[in-house]
C-alpha atoms as a PDB file:
ATOM      1  CA  MET A   1      -6.801   8.647 -13.976  1.00  0.00           C
ATOM      2  CA  HIS A   2      -6.072  11.645 -16.641  1.00  0.00           C
ATOM      3  CA  GLY A   3      -9.328  13.448 -17.220  1.00  0.00           C
ATOM      4  CA  VAL A   4     -11.271  11.664 -14.370  1.00  0.00           C
ATOM      5  CA  ASP A   5     -13.145  13.830 -12.349  1.00  0.00           C
ATOM      6  CA  ASP A   6     -12.998  13.826  -8.562  1.00  0.00           C
ATOM      7  CA  GLU A   7     -15.993  12.091  -7.786  1.00  0.00           C
ATOM      8  CA  ARG A   8     -15.458   9.087 -10.044  1.00  0.00           C
ATOM      9  CA  ARG A   9     -10.933   8.959  -9.127  1.00  0.00           C
ATOM     10  CA  PRO A  10     -11.459   7.040  -5.707  1.00  0.00           C
ATOM     11  CA  ALA A  11     -13.367   4.274  -7.730  1.00  0.00           C
ATOM     12  CA  PHE A  12     -10.869   4.085 -10.358  1.00  0.00           C
ATOM     13  CA  LEU A  13      -8.578   3.590  -8.310  1.00  0.00           C
ATOM     14  CA  ALA A  14      -9.683   1.177  -5.837  1.00  0.00           C
ATOM     15  CA  ALA A  15     -10.375  -0.844  -8.894  1.00  0.00           C
ATOM     16  CA  GLY A  16      -7.122  -0.838  -9.680  1.00  0.00           C
ATOM     17  CA  ASN A  17      -6.265  -1.979  -6.869  1.00  0.00           C
ATOM     18  CA  ALA A  18      -8.745  -5.082  -6.879  1.00  0.00           C
ATOM     19  CA  ALA A  19      -6.965  -5.900  -9.965  1.00  0.00           C
ATOM     20  CA  LEU A  20      -3.608  -5.968  -8.361  1.00  0.00           C
ATOM     21  CA  ASN A  21      -4.369  -7.874  -5.230  1.00  0.00           C
ATOM     22  CA  ALA A  22      -6.650 -10.310  -7.149  1.00  0.00           C
ATOM     23  CA  GLY A  23      -3.657 -10.994  -8.872  1.00  0.00           C
ATOM     24  CA  MET A  24      -1.505 -11.863  -6.076  1.00  0.00           C
ATOM     25  CA  ALA A  25      -4.169 -14.060  -4.643  1.00  0.00           C
ATOM     26  CA  VAL A  26      -4.414 -15.629  -8.079  1.00  0.00           C
ATOM     27  CA  GLY A  27      -0.717 -16.034  -8.319  1.00  0.00           C
ATOM     28  CA  PRO A  28       0.232 -18.655  -5.416  1.00  0.00           C
ATOM     29  CA  LEU A  29      -2.688 -20.660  -6.135  1.00  0.00           C
ATOM     30  CA  VAL A  30      -1.975 -21.242  -9.464  1.00  0.00           C
ATOM     31  CA  ALA A  31       1.977 -21.446  -9.249  1.00  0.00           C
ATOM     32  CA  GLY A  32       1.751 -23.646  -5.661  1.00  0.00           C
ATOM     33  CA  PRO A  33       1.760 -26.971  -7.042  1.00  0.00           C
ATOM     34  CA  PHE A  34       4.519 -26.461  -8.943  1.00  0.00           C
ATOM     35  CA  VAL A  35       7.322 -24.391  -6.728  1.00  0.00           C
ATOM     36  CA  LEU A  36       8.318 -27.804  -5.422  1.00  0.00           C
ATOM     37  CA  SER A  37       7.892 -30.128  -8.523  1.00  0.00           C
ATOM     38  CA  SER A  38       8.901 -27.872 -11.185  1.00  0.00           C
ATOM     39  CA  PRO A  39      10.587 -24.880  -9.964  1.00  0.00           C
ATOM     40  CA  GLY A  40      12.663 -24.022 -13.012  1.00  0.00           C
ATOM     41  CA  TRP A  41       9.971 -24.311 -15.494  1.00  0.00           C
ATOM     42  CA  LEU A  42       7.508 -21.943 -13.337  1.00  0.00           C
ATOM     43  CA  PHE A  43      10.301 -19.239 -13.374  1.00  0.00           C
ATOM     44  CA  VAL A  44      10.806 -19.542 -17.216  1.00  0.00           C
ATOM     45  CA  SER A  45       7.257 -19.081 -17.298  1.00  0.00           C
ATOM     46  CA  VAL A  46       7.018 -16.159 -15.455  1.00  0.00           C
ATOM     47  CA  THR A  47       9.929 -14.769 -17.138  1.00  0.00           C
ATOM     48  CA  ALA A  48       7.736 -14.992 -20.180  1.00  0.00           C
ATOM     49  CA  LEU A  49       4.974 -13.677 -19.366  1.00  0.00           C
ATOM     50  CA  PHE A  50       7.098 -10.610 -18.666  1.00  0.00           C
ATOM     51  CA  VAL A  51       8.383  -9.913 -21.689  1.00  0.00           C
ATOM     52  CA  LEU A  52       5.221 -10.193 -23.176  1.00  0.00           C
ATOM     53  CA  VAL A  53       3.891  -7.949 -20.965  1.00  0.00           C
ATOM     54  CA  THR A  54       6.960  -6.101 -21.564  1.00  0.00           C
ATOM     55  CA  ALA A  55       6.809  -6.415 -25.434  1.00  0.00           C
ATOM     56  CA  GLY A  56       3.009  -5.203 -25.663  1.00  0.00           C
ATOM     57  CA  HIS A  57       3.880  -1.782 -23.787  1.00  0.00           C
ATOM     58  CA  ALA A  58       5.095  -1.077 -27.315  1.00  0.00           C
ATOM     59  CA  ARG A  59       1.876  -1.027 -28.614  1.00  0.00           C
ATOM     60  CA  LEU A  60       0.230   1.375 -26.258  1.00  0.00           C
ATOM     61  CA  PRO A  61      -1.035   4.742 -27.727  1.00  0.00           C
ATOM     62  CA  ALA A  62       0.570   7.880 -27.718  1.00  0.00           C
ATOM     63  CA  ALA A  63      -1.645   9.778 -24.917  1.00  0.00           C
ATOM     64  CA  GLY A  64      -0.897  13.044 -23.874  1.00  0.00           C
ATOM     65  CA  ALA A  65      -1.781  12.823 -20.387  1.00  0.00           C
ATOM     66  CA  GLY A  66       1.413  13.521 -18.527  1.00  0.00           C
ATOM     67  CA  GLU A  67       3.606  16.806 -18.490  1.00  0.00           C
ATOM     68  CA  SER A  68       5.302  18.317 -21.863  1.00  0.00           C
ATOM     69  CA  GLY A  69       8.467  17.434 -22.284  1.00  0.00           C
ATOM     70  CA  GLY A  70       9.978  20.839 -21.351  1.00  0.00           C
ATOM     71  CA  GLN A  71       7.996  21.393 -17.867  1.00  0.00           C
ATOM     72  CA  SER A  72       9.462  17.447 -17.320  1.00  0.00           C
ATOM     73  CA  ALA A  73      12.672  18.135 -18.205  1.00  0.00           C
ATOM     74  CA  GLY A  74      13.211  21.277 -16.249  1.00  0.00           C
ATOM     75  CA  GLN A  75      11.627  19.686 -12.769  1.00  0.00           C
ATOM     76  CA  GLY A  76      12.904  16.852 -10.835  1.00  0.00           C
ATOM     77  CA  LEU A  77      10.739  13.846  -9.650  1.00  0.00           C
ATOM     78  CA  LEU A  78      10.141  15.829  -6.000  1.00  0.00           C
ATOM     79  CA  ALA A  79       9.664  19.086  -7.411  1.00  0.00           C
ATOM     80  CA  GLY A  80       6.048  19.779  -6.300  1.00  0.00           C
ATOM     81  CA  VAL A  81       5.432  17.048  -3.978  1.00  0.00           C
ATOM     82  CA  ALA A  82       2.848  17.040  -1.647  1.00  0.00           C
ATOM     83  CA  ALA A  83       5.011  16.501   1.546  1.00  0.00           C
ATOM     84  CA  LEU A  84       2.181  15.131   3.612  1.00  0.00           C
ATOM     85  CA  PRO A  85       0.676  12.624   1.462  1.00  0.00           C
ATOM     86  CA  PHE A  86       4.513  11.799   0.425  1.00  0.00           C
ATOM     87  CA  ALA A  87       5.591  11.145   4.053  1.00  0.00           C
ATOM     88  CA  ALA A  88       2.411   9.651   5.173  1.00  0.00           C
ATOM     89  CA  ASN A  89       2.478   6.999   2.202  1.00  0.00           C
ATOM     90  CA  ALA A  90       6.167   6.070   3.049  1.00  0.00           C
ATOM     91  CA  LEU A  91       5.079   5.709   7.172  1.00  0.00           C
ATOM     92  CA  ALA A  92       2.427   3.691   6.146  1.00  0.00           C
ATOM     93  CA  PHE A  93       4.253   1.111   4.141  1.00  0.00           C
ATOM     94  CA  TYR A  94       6.777   1.162   6.500  1.00  0.00           C
ATOM     95  CA  LEU A  95       4.386   0.184   9.177  1.00  0.00           C
ATOM     96  CA  TYR A  96       2.162  -2.458   6.701  1.00  0.00           C
ATOM     97  CA  PHE A  97       5.501  -4.103   5.730  1.00  0.00           C
ATOM     98  CA  HIS A  98       6.252  -5.182   8.672  1.00  0.00           C
ATOM     99  CA  PHE A  99       3.019  -7.300   7.887  1.00  0.00           C
ATOM    100  CA  GLN A 100       3.591  -8.549   4.647  1.00  0.00           C
ATOM    101  CA  HIS A 101       7.491  -9.428   5.757  1.00  0.00           C
ATOM    102  CA  PHE A 102       7.395 -10.971   8.910  1.00  0.00           C
ATOM    103  CA  LEU A 103       4.127 -12.633   8.698  1.00  0.00           C
ATOM    104  CA  ALA A 104       5.301 -15.624   6.930  1.00  0.00           C
ATOM    105  CA  VAL A 105       7.891 -16.997   9.514  1.00  0.00           C
ATOM    106  CA  TYR A 106       5.954 -16.343  12.552  1.00  0.00           C
ATOM    107  CA  ALA A 107       2.603 -17.862  11.262  1.00  0.00           C
ATOM    108  CA  VAL A 108       4.341 -20.881   9.775  1.00  0.00           C
ATOM    109  CA  GLU A 109       5.640 -21.541  13.400  1.00  0.00           C
ATOM    110  CA  ARG A 110       2.334 -21.275  15.070  1.00  0.00           C
ATOM    111  CA  ALA A 111       0.190 -23.078  12.281  1.00  0.00           C
ATOM    112  CA  THR A 112       1.557 -24.029   8.698  1.00  0.00           C
ATOM    113  CA  SER A 113       2.388 -22.716   5.581  1.00  0.00           C
ATOM    114  CA  THR A 114      -1.234 -23.759   4.001  1.00  0.00           C
ATOM    115  CA  PHE A 115      -3.069 -21.624   6.560  1.00  0.00           C
ATOM    116  CA  TYR A 116      -0.259 -18.574   6.262  1.00  0.00           C
ATOM    117  CA  SER A 117      -1.729 -18.434   2.533  1.00  0.00           C
ATOM    118  CA  LEU A 118      -5.354 -18.330   4.098  1.00  0.00           C
ATOM    119  CA  VAL A 119      -4.774 -15.443   5.877  1.00  0.00           C
ATOM    120  CA  LEU A 120      -3.019 -13.517   2.985  1.00  0.00           C
ATOM    121  CA  LEU A 121      -6.579 -14.930   0.683  1.00  0.00           C
ATOM    122  CA  LEU A 122      -8.541 -13.153   3.500  1.00  0.00           C
ATOM    123  CA  CYS A 123      -6.602  -9.708   3.121  1.00  0.00           C
ATOM    124  CA  PHE A 124      -6.509  -9.891  -0.897  1.00  0.00           C
ATOM    125  CA  THR A 125     -10.386 -10.865  -0.762  1.00  0.00           C
ATOM    126  CA  LEU A 126     -10.973  -7.789   1.769  1.00  0.00           C
ATOM    127  CA  VAL A 127      -9.132  -5.314  -0.547  1.00  0.00           C
ATOM    128  CA  ILE A 128     -11.093  -6.131  -4.000  1.00  0.00           C
ATOM    129  CA  VAL A 129     -14.295  -6.244  -2.144  1.00  0.00           C
ATOM    130  CA  VAL A 130     -14.296  -3.710   0.545  1.00  0.00           C
ATOM    131  CA  GLN A 131     -11.952  -0.886  -1.061  1.00  0.00           C
ATOM    132  CA  PRO A 132     -14.139  -0.468  -4.584  1.00  0.00           C
ATOM    133  CA  LEU A 133     -17.252  -0.042  -1.991  1.00  0.00           C
ATOM    134  CA  ALA A 134     -15.897   2.143   0.369  1.00  0.00           C
ATOM    135  CA  SER A 135     -13.884   3.956  -2.254  1.00  0.00           C
ATOM    136  CA  GLY A 136     -16.764   7.059  -1.969  1.00  0.00           C
ATOM    137  CA  LEU A 137     -16.737   7.163   1.787  1.00  0.00           C
ATOM    138  CA  ILE A 138     -13.144   7.071   1.672  1.00  0.00           C
ATOM    139  CA  ARG A 139     -13.349  10.180  -0.757  1.00  0.00           C
ATOM    140  CA  ARG A 140     -15.772  12.276   1.493  1.00  0.00           C
ATOM    141  CA  MET A 141     -13.498  11.349   4.310  1.00  0.00           C
ATOM    142  CA  PRO A 142     -11.262  14.361   6.062  1.00  0.00           C
ATOM    143  CA  TYR A 143      -7.760  13.457   5.429  1.00  0.00           C
ATOM    144  CA  ALA A 144      -6.838  13.597   8.962  1.00  0.00           C
ATOM    145  CA  THR A 145      -9.750  11.407  10.188  1.00  0.00           C
ATOM    146  CA  ALA A 146      -8.558   8.801   7.290  1.00  0.00           C
ATOM    147  CA  LEU A 147      -5.144   9.137   8.657  1.00  0.00           C
ATOM    148  CA  ALA A 148      -5.960   8.220  12.372  1.00  0.00           C
ATOM    149  CA  ALA A 149      -8.758   5.302  11.197  1.00  0.00           C
ATOM    150  CA  GLY A 150      -6.068   3.658   8.759  1.00  0.00           C
ATOM    151  CA  PHE A 151      -3.181   3.843  11.339  1.00  0.00           C
ATOM    152  CA  THR A 152      -5.580   3.120  14.180  1.00  0.00           C
ATOM    153  CA  GLY A 153      -6.686  -0.046  11.866  1.00  0.00           C
ATOM    154  CA  LEU A 154      -2.445  -1.111  11.759  1.00  0.00           C
ATOM    155  CA  ALA A 155      -1.985  -0.469  15.382  1.00  0.00           C
ATOM    156  CA  ALA A 156      -5.317  -3.058  16.637  1.00  0.00           C
ATOM    157  CA  GLY A 157      -4.215  -5.578  13.699  1.00  0.00           C
ATOM    158  CA  LEU A 158      -0.389  -5.930  14.572  1.00  0.00           C
ATOM    159  CA  ALA A 159      -1.297  -5.596  18.855  1.00  0.00           C
ATOM    160  CA  VAL A 160      -3.777  -8.673  17.901  1.00  0.00           C
ATOM    161  CA  LEU A 161      -1.013 -10.493  16.167  1.00  0.00           C
ATOM    162  CA  ALA A 162       1.250 -10.912  18.871  1.00  0.00           C
ATOM    163  CA  ILE A 163      -1.225 -13.616  20.681  1.00  0.00           C
ATOM    164  CA  GLY A 164      -0.399 -15.705  18.037  1.00  0.00           C
ATOM    165  CA  THR A 165      -3.330 -18.120  17.719  1.00  0.00           C
ATOM    166  CA  ARG A 166      -4.911 -18.924  14.508  1.00  0.00           C
ATOM    167  CA  PRO A 167      -7.953 -16.736  15.248  1.00  0.00           C
ATOM    168  CA  ALA A 168      -5.904 -14.060  15.764  1.00  0.00           C
ATOM    169  CA  LEU A 169      -3.720 -14.642  12.986  1.00  0.00           C
ATOM    170  CA  LEU A 170      -7.107 -13.809  10.919  1.00  0.00           C
ATOM    171  CA  ALA A 171      -8.295 -10.833  12.994  1.00  0.00           C
ATOM    172  CA  GLY A 172      -5.104  -9.098  13.095  1.00  0.00           C
ATOM    173  CA  GLY A 173      -4.643  -9.504   9.025  1.00  0.00           C
ATOM    174  CA  ALA A 174      -8.260  -8.259   8.523  1.00  0.00           C
ATOM    175  CA  LEU A 175      -7.543  -5.558  10.957  1.00  0.00           C
ATOM    176  CA  ILE A 176      -4.532  -4.063   9.309  1.00  0.00           C
ATOM    177  CA  THR A 177      -6.046  -4.883   5.759  1.00  0.00           C
ATOM    178  CA  LEU A 178      -9.345  -2.635   6.663  1.00  0.00           C
ATOM    179  CA  GLY A 179      -6.091   0.300   7.686  1.00  0.00           C
ATOM    180  CA  ASP A 180      -4.509  -0.175   4.765  1.00  0.00           C
ATOM    181  CA  ILE A 181      -7.390  -0.200   2.175  1.00  0.00           C
ATOM    182  CA  VAL A 182      -7.819   3.515   3.946  1.00  0.00           C
ATOM    183  CA  LEU A 183      -4.643   4.617   4.164  1.00  0.00           C
ATOM    184  CA  PHE A 184      -3.287   4.063   0.496  1.00  0.00           C
ATOM    185  CA  LEU A 185      -6.164   4.987  -1.086  1.00  0.00           C
ATOM    186  CA  LYS A 186      -6.736   8.571   0.680  1.00  0.00           C
ATOM    187  CA  ASN A 187      -3.212   9.286   0.499  1.00  0.00           C
ATOM    188  CA  ASP A 188      -2.955   8.989  -3.341  1.00  0.00           C
ATOM    189  CA  LEU A 189      -5.867  11.283  -3.452  1.00  0.00           C
ATOM    190  CA  GLU A 190      -4.792  13.540  -1.279  1.00  0.00           C
ATOM    191  CA  ALA A 191      -1.255  13.632  -3.220  1.00  0.00           C
ATOM    192  CA  LEU A 192      -3.148  14.255  -6.418  1.00  0.00           C
ATOM    193  CA  HIS A 193      -5.401  17.116  -4.932  1.00  0.00           C
ATOM    194  CA  ARG A 194      -2.198  18.821  -3.314  1.00  0.00           C
ATOM    195  CA  SER A 195       0.234  18.507  -6.238  1.00  0.00           C
ATOM    196  CA  PRO A 196       0.588  20.599  -9.102  1.00  0.00           C
ATOM    197  CA  ARG A 197       2.240  18.089 -10.939  1.00  0.00           C
ATOM    198  CA  SER A 198       0.853  15.816 -13.311  1.00  0.00           C
ATOM    199  CA  ASP A 199      -1.171  12.769 -12.287  1.00  0.00           C
ATOM    200  CA  ALA A 200       1.792  10.142 -13.591  1.00  0.00           C
ATOM    201  CA  VAL A 201       4.691  12.061 -12.000  1.00  0.00           C
ATOM    202  CA  VAL A 202       2.459  12.294  -8.411  1.00  0.00           C
ATOM    203  CA  PHE A 203       1.837   8.406  -8.786  1.00  0.00           C
ATOM    204  CA  GLY A 204       5.631   7.985  -9.308  1.00  0.00           C
ATOM    205  CA  GLN A 205       5.982  10.077  -6.153  1.00  0.00           C
ATOM    206  CA  GLN A 206       3.775   8.110  -3.897  1.00  0.00           C
ATOM    207  CA  ARG A 207       5.118   4.872  -5.274  1.00  0.00           C
ATOM    208  CA  LEU A 208       8.793   6.019  -4.424  1.00  0.00           C
ATOM    209  CA  ALA A 209       7.464   6.800  -1.124  1.00  0.00           C
ATOM    210  CA  ALA A 210       6.038   3.192  -0.826  1.00  0.00           C
ATOM    211  CA  GLY A 211       9.206   2.030  -1.889  1.00  0.00           C
ATOM    212  CA  LEU A 212      11.583   3.629   0.929  1.00  0.00           C
ATOM    213  CA  GLY A 213       8.673   2.904   3.912  1.00  0.00           C
ATOM    214  CA  ALA A 214       8.924  -1.135   2.389  1.00  0.00           C
ATOM    215  CA  CYS A 215      12.668  -0.808   2.275  1.00  0.00           C
ATOM    216  CA  ALA A 216      12.924   0.472   6.056  1.00  0.00           C
ATOM    217  CA  SER A 217      10.414  -1.850   7.247  1.00  0.00           C
ATOM    218  CA  GLY A 218      12.693  -4.361   6.043  1.00  0.00           C
ATOM    219  CA  VAL A 219      15.777  -3.357   6.976  1.00  0.00           C
ATOM    220  CA  LEU A 220      14.696  -1.950  10.730  1.00  0.00           C
ATOM    221  CA  GLY A 221      12.374  -4.448  11.100  1.00  0.00           C
ATOM    222  CA  GLY A 222      14.542  -7.483  10.371  1.00  0.00           C
ATOM    223  CA  GLN A 223      16.787  -6.211  13.079  1.00  0.00           C
ATOM    224  CA  VAL A 224      13.644  -6.106  15.591  1.00  0.00           C
ATOM    225  CA  TYR A 225      11.964  -8.994  14.543  1.00  0.00           C
ATOM    226  CA  GLY A 226      15.776 -10.742  14.543  1.00  0.00           C
ATOM    227  CA  LEU A 227      16.155  -9.254  18.530  1.00  0.00           C
ATOM    228  CA  THR A 228      12.651 -10.768  19.973  1.00  0.00           C
ATOM    229  CA  GLU A 229      13.407 -13.810  18.433  1.00  0.00           C
ATOM    230  CA  GLN A 230      16.632 -14.209  20.433  1.00  0.00           C
ATOM    231  CA  ALA A 231      14.557 -13.277  23.384  1.00  0.00           C
ATOM    232  CA  GLY A 232      12.380 -16.197  22.974  1.00  0.00           C
ATOM    233  CA  ASP A 233       9.410 -14.526  22.225  1.00  0.00           C
ATOM    234  CA  THR A 234       8.279 -12.793  18.900  1.00  0.00           C
ATOM    235  CA  GLY A 235       5.132 -11.462  20.101  1.00  0.00           C
ATOM    236  CA  TRP A 236       7.039  -8.240  21.638  1.00  0.00           C
ATOM    237  CA  PHE A 237       7.750  -7.542  17.411  1.00  0.00           C
ATOM    238  CA  TRP A 238       4.162  -6.958  16.724  1.00  0.00           C
ATOM    239  CA  LEU A 239       3.125  -4.987  20.046  1.00  0.00           C
ATOM    240  CA  LEU A 240       6.533  -2.564  19.242  1.00  0.00           C
ATOM    241  CA  ALA A 241       5.308  -1.899  15.717  1.00  0.00           C
ATOM    242  CA  ALA A 242       1.472  -1.462  16.726  1.00  0.00           C
ATOM    243  CA  ALA A 243       3.357   1.187  19.398  1.00  0.00           C
ATOM    244  CA  GLN A 244       5.385   2.786  16.321  1.00  0.00           C
ATOM    245  CA  CYS A 245       1.573   3.029  14.574  1.00  0.00           C
ATOM    246  CA  VAL A 246       0.533   4.934  17.516  1.00  0.00           C
ATOM    247  CA  LEU A 247       3.338   7.547  17.782  1.00  0.00           C
ATOM    248  CA  LEU A 248       5.432   8.228  14.700  1.00  0.00           C
ATOM    249  CA  PRO A 249       2.014   9.322  12.782  1.00  0.00           C
ATOM    250  CA  LEU A 250       2.571  12.317  15.532  1.00  0.00           C
ATOM    251  CA  LEU A 251       5.902  13.251  13.555  1.00  0.00           C
ATOM    252  CA  LEU A 252       3.299  13.871  10.550  1.00  0.00           C
ATOM    253  CA  LEU A 253       1.564  16.967  12.410  1.00  0.00           C
ATOM    254  CA  ALA A 254       4.613  19.041  11.449  1.00  0.00           C
ATOM    255  CA  LEU A 255       3.853  18.812   7.875  1.00  0.00           C
ATOM    256  CA  ARG A 256       0.183  18.941   8.350  1.00  0.00           C
ATOM    257  CA  GLU A 257      -2.068  21.546   6.454  1.00  0.00           C
ATOM    258  CA  ARG A 258      -0.242  23.569   3.453  1.00  0.00           C
ATOM    259  CA  PRO A 259      -2.853  24.940   0.866  1.00  0.00           C
ATOM    260  CA  ALA A 260      -3.827  22.397  -1.844  1.00  0.00           C
ATOM    261  CA  ARG A 261      -3.112  23.123  -5.533  1.00  0.00           C
ATOM    262  CA  HIS A 262      -3.999  21.915  -8.871  1.00  0.00           C
ATOM    263  CA  PRO A 263      -3.046  22.897 -12.191  1.00  0.00           C
ATOM    264  CA  THR A 264      -6.812  22.138 -13.919  1.00  0.00           C
ATOM    265  CA  PRO A 265      -9.880  24.383 -12.789  1.00  0.00           C
ATOM    266  CA  LEU A 266     -12.041  21.200 -12.495  1.00  0.00           C
ATOM    267  CA  MET A 267      -9.800  19.591  -9.803  1.00  0.00           C
ATOM    268  CA  THR A 268     -10.205  22.471  -7.756  1.00  0.00           C
ATOM    269  CA  THR A 269     -13.503  22.305  -7.660  1.00  0.00           C
ATOM    270  CA  THR A 270     -14.613  19.420  -5.811  1.00  0.00           C
ATOM    271  CA  LYS A 271     -11.419  18.005  -4.022  1.00  0.00           C
ATOM    272  CA  GLU A 272     -11.932  17.992  -0.200  1.00  0.00           C
ATOM    273  CA  ARG A 273      -9.579  18.314   2.765  1.00  0.00           C
END
């Protein structure tokens, strides 16, 4: 993202997200036939790929895209963090990962593992196709509007999942994905806009928020899913998650609207609230 002007940043971010989701979609399709027949060789092969990718990083060119050594050494990771995009990203991942963590158990009970894979494939395809096309619109969207639209999409999708039918699983997954397309892209753009730190540090901060949210979803969401399972109706799990999509974003109002700062004049001329 270093050196890319504001108008092109959404397209670059969306392309990166599309590549990520394309890999997530293709990986299970390629590995699926070997999971049961040759799991040992499968994981050895994947490990070898990781080793090659790791070794390949040694050949990356040294680019002066980050903060200077003295500057980065004197600041912690969270120094200069954009509080609202950080908190919104953590909350978005917390709510979205209710879907990622627990859909498999819920869907396989009501359909098949093949149908579950179809739902994920639909979600990945939506990100690959829709986010690059909508990146300009998301950039121009006011931040408050983007948050409202994104969390509404998550709430609607999670509530639809509670119906439990195959069409509901597909529709719910699509609505959740449309919500996360807006939230994840806009939060990164807003963090880059508001923080005085380098792009690399801002991305690190946003990924930290994502990890915290996903972890909380696994820990807290797992307990709630277990309780609804014991009660005999896991549909309530999705309704409770949908209610959180409505109530928890209200807490973000306490962090709203601090003046934006960015170290380069280029980034302060075209960025929007």
